[in-house]
C-alpha atoms as a PDB file:
ATOM      1  CA  UNK A   1      16.303  -9.755   5.239  1.00  0.00           C
ATOM      2  CA  UNK A   2      15.698  -6.083   5.905  1.00  0.00           C
ATOM      3  CA  UNK A   3      12.594  -4.840   7.668  1.00  0.00           C
ATOM      4  CA  UNK A   4      11.770  -2.842   4.548  1.00  0.00           C
ATOM      5  CA  UNK A   5      11.687  -5.966   2.353  1.00  0.00           C
ATOM      6  CA  UNK A   6       9.535  -7.787   4.916  1.00  0.00           C
ATOM      7  CA  UNK A   7       7.179  -4.809   5.195  1.00  0.00           C
ATOM      8  CA  UNK A   8       6.811  -4.697   1.393  1.00  0.00           C
ATOM      9  CA  UNK A   9       5.890  -8.398   1.400  1.00  0.00           C
ATOM     10  CA  UNK A  10       3.296  -7.814   4.130  1.00  0.00           C
ATOM     11  CA  UNK A  11       1.785  -4.855   2.266  1.00  0.00           C
ATOM     12  CA  UNK A  12       1.578  -6.825  -1.001  1.00  0.00           C
ATOM     13  CA  UNK A  13      -0.138  -9.713   0.817  1.00  0.00           C
ATOM     14  CA  UNK A  14      -2.524  -7.242   2.461  1.00  0.00           C
ATOM     15  CA  UNK A  15      -3.439  -5.768  -0.951  1.00  0.00           C
ATOM     16  CA  UNK A  16      -3.999  -9.184  -2.535  1.00  0.00           C
ATOM     17  CA  UNK A  17      -6.166 -10.351   0.389  1.00  0.00           C
ATOM     18  CA  UNK A  18      -8.177  -7.146   0.908  1.00  0.00           C
ATOM     19  CA  UNK A  19      -8.788  -6.434  -2.767  1.00  0.00           C
ATOM     20  CA  UNK A  20      -9.057 -10.078  -3.859  1.00  0.00           C
ATOM     21  CA  UNK A  21      -6.509  -9.433  -6.611  1.00  0.00           C
ATOM     22  CA  UNK A  22      -5.814 -12.059  -9.232  1.00  0.00           C
ATOM     23  CA  UNK A  23      -2.088 -11.193  -9.180  1.00  0.00           C
ATOM     24  CA  UNK A  24       0.085 -13.152  -6.749  1.00  0.00           C
ATOM     25  CA  UNK A  25       1.714 -10.840  -4.192  1.00  0.00           C
ATOM     26  CA  UNK A  26       5.225 -11.638  -5.455  1.00  0.00           C
ATOM     27  CA  UNK A  27       4.316 -10.408  -8.951  1.00  0.00           C
ATOM     28  CA  UNK A  28       3.490  -6.883  -7.796  1.00  0.00           C
ATOM     29  CA  UNK A  29       6.450  -4.607  -8.518  1.00  0.00           C
ATOM     30  CA  UNK A  30       7.682  -2.285  -5.766  1.00  0.00           C
ATOM     31  CA  UNK A  31       7.605   0.717  -8.138  1.00  0.00           C
ATOM     32  CA  UNK A  32       4.604  -0.417 -10.195  1.00  0.00           C
ATOM     33  CA  UNK A  33       1.765   2.136 -10.070  1.00  0.00           C
ATOM     34  CA  UNK A  34      -1.239   0.648  -8.314  1.00  0.00           C
ATOM     35  CA  UNK A  35      -3.742   2.779 -10.239  1.00  0.00           C
ATOM     36  CA  UNK A  36      -4.330   3.527 -13.892  1.00  0.00           C
ATOM     37  CA  UNK A  37      -2.996   2.014 -17.110  1.00  0.00           C
ATOM     38  CA  UNK A  38       0.315   0.237 -16.807  1.00  0.00           C
ATOM     39  CA  UNK A  39      -0.380  -0.362 -13.148  1.00  0.00           C
ATOM     40  CA  UNK A  40      -2.466  -2.890 -11.272  1.00  0.00           C
ATOM     41  CA  UNK A  41      -5.572  -1.100 -12.503  1.00  0.00           C
ATOM     42  CA  UNK A  42      -7.043  -0.384  -9.080  1.00  0.00           C
ATOM     43  CA  UNK A  43      -9.936   2.081  -8.867  1.00  0.00           C
ATOM     44  CA  UNK A  44     -11.306   4.562  -6.325  1.00  0.00           C
ATOM     45  CA  UNK A  45     -13.195   1.858  -4.386  1.00  0.00           C
ATOM     46  CA  UNK A  46      -9.934  -0.100  -4.106  1.00  0.00           C
ATOM     47  CA  UNK A  47      -8.187   3.085  -2.931  1.00  0.00           C
ATOM     48  CA  UNK A  48     -10.675   3.453  -0.092  1.00  0.00           C
ATOM     49  CA  UNK A  49     -10.139  -0.180   0.929  1.00  0.00           C
ATOM     50  CA  UNK A  50      -6.355   0.323   0.900  1.00  0.00           C
ATOM     51  CA  UNK A  51      -6.656   3.436   3.103  1.00  0.00           C
ATOM     52  CA  UNK A  52      -8.868   1.532   5.581  1.00  0.00           C
ATOM     53  CA  UNK A  53      -6.520  -1.487   5.569  1.00  0.00           C
ATOM     54  CA  UNK A  54      -3.465   0.713   6.231  1.00  0.00           C
ATOM     55  CA  UNK A  55      -5.238   2.274   9.211  1.00  0.00           C
ATOM     56  CA  UNK A  56      -6.368  -1.118  10.536  1.00  0.00           C
ATOM     57  CA  UNK A  57      -3.046  -2.942  10.027  1.00  0.00           C
ATOM     58  CA  UNK A  58      -0.505  -0.197  10.670  1.00  0.00           C
ATOM     59  CA  UNK A  59      -2.404   2.627  12.395  1.00  0.00           C
ATOM     60  CA  UNK A  60      -1.579   4.863   9.428  1.00  0.00           C
ATOM     61  CA  UNK A  61      -4.295   7.491   9.094  1.00  0.00           C
ATOM     62  CA  UNK A  62      -4.471   9.255   5.736  1.00  0.00           C
ATOM     63  CA  UNK A  63      -6.223  12.608   6.203  1.00  0.00           C
ATOM     64  CA  UNK A  64      -7.244  13.596   2.668  1.00  0.00           C
ATOM     65  CA  UNK A  65      -7.459  12.393  -0.952  1.00  0.00           C
ATOM     66  CA  UNK A  66      -4.404  14.364  -2.101  1.00  0.00           C
ATOM     67  CA  UNK A  67      -2.221  12.752   0.569  1.00  0.00           C
ATOM     68  CA  UNK A  68      -3.765   9.370  -0.228  1.00  0.00           C
ATOM     69  CA  UNK A  69      -2.848   9.741  -3.909  1.00  0.00           C
ATOM     70  CA  UNK A  70       0.794  10.293  -2.978  1.00  0.00           C
ATOM     71  CA  UNK A  71       0.961   7.547  -0.348  1.00  0.00           C
ATOM     72  CA  UNK A  72      -0.840   4.755  -2.193  1.00  0.00           C
ATOM     73  CA  UNK A  73       0.841   5.324  -5.541  1.00  0.00           C
ATOM     74  CA  UNK A  74       3.046   2.218  -5.286  1.00  0.00           C
ATOM     75  CA  UNK A  75       4.319  -0.386  -2.834  1.00  0.00           C
ATOM     76  CA  UNK A  76       7.426   1.761  -2.258  1.00  0.00           C
ATOM     77  CA  UNK A  77       5.404   4.884  -1.377  1.00  0.00           C
ATOM     78  CA  UNK A  78       3.163   2.878   0.989  1.00  0.00           C
ATOM     79  CA  UNK A  79       6.226   1.289   2.629  1.00  0.00           C
ATOM     80  CA  UNK A  80       7.862   4.712   3.098  1.00  0.00           C
ATOM     81  CA  UNK A  81       4.708   6.128   4.697  1.00  0.00           C
ATOM     82  CA  UNK A  82       4.267   3.145   7.042  1.00  0.00           C
ATOM     83  CA  UNK A  83       7.971   3.230   8.012  1.00  0.00           C
ATOM     84  CA  UNK A  84       7.818   6.976   8.770  1.00  0.00           C
ATOM     85  CA  UNK A  85       4.604   6.498  10.750  1.00  0.00           C
ATOM     86  CA  UNK A  86       6.128   3.649  12.786  1.00  0.00           C
ATOM     87  CA  UNK A  87       9.322   5.594  13.526  1.00  0.00           C
ATOM     88  CA  UNK A  88       7.275   8.563  14.796  1.00  0.00           C
ATOM     89  CA  UNK A  89       5.114   6.288  16.909  1.00  0.00           C
ATOM     90  CA  UNK A  90       7.992   4.480  18.600  1.00  0.00           C
END
């Protein structure tokens, strides 16, 4: 299994645990929007928790709301940001 697939699983688990989501982690689509209609329906409070969890779990600091909107759009965008952050840090 690729590191990317494993990282996506970890991020989905992190979201389910931190946000106490009703959806099982394996039912969250990689491209599914996390916010708004048609997505998981997360709100701004959830967004803040996701930003804090990404910093705590992966050391990924998100400097501003505009960047946060791009990064935490979907599992794929979070995975890309974490992967880039880890490759810079290593």
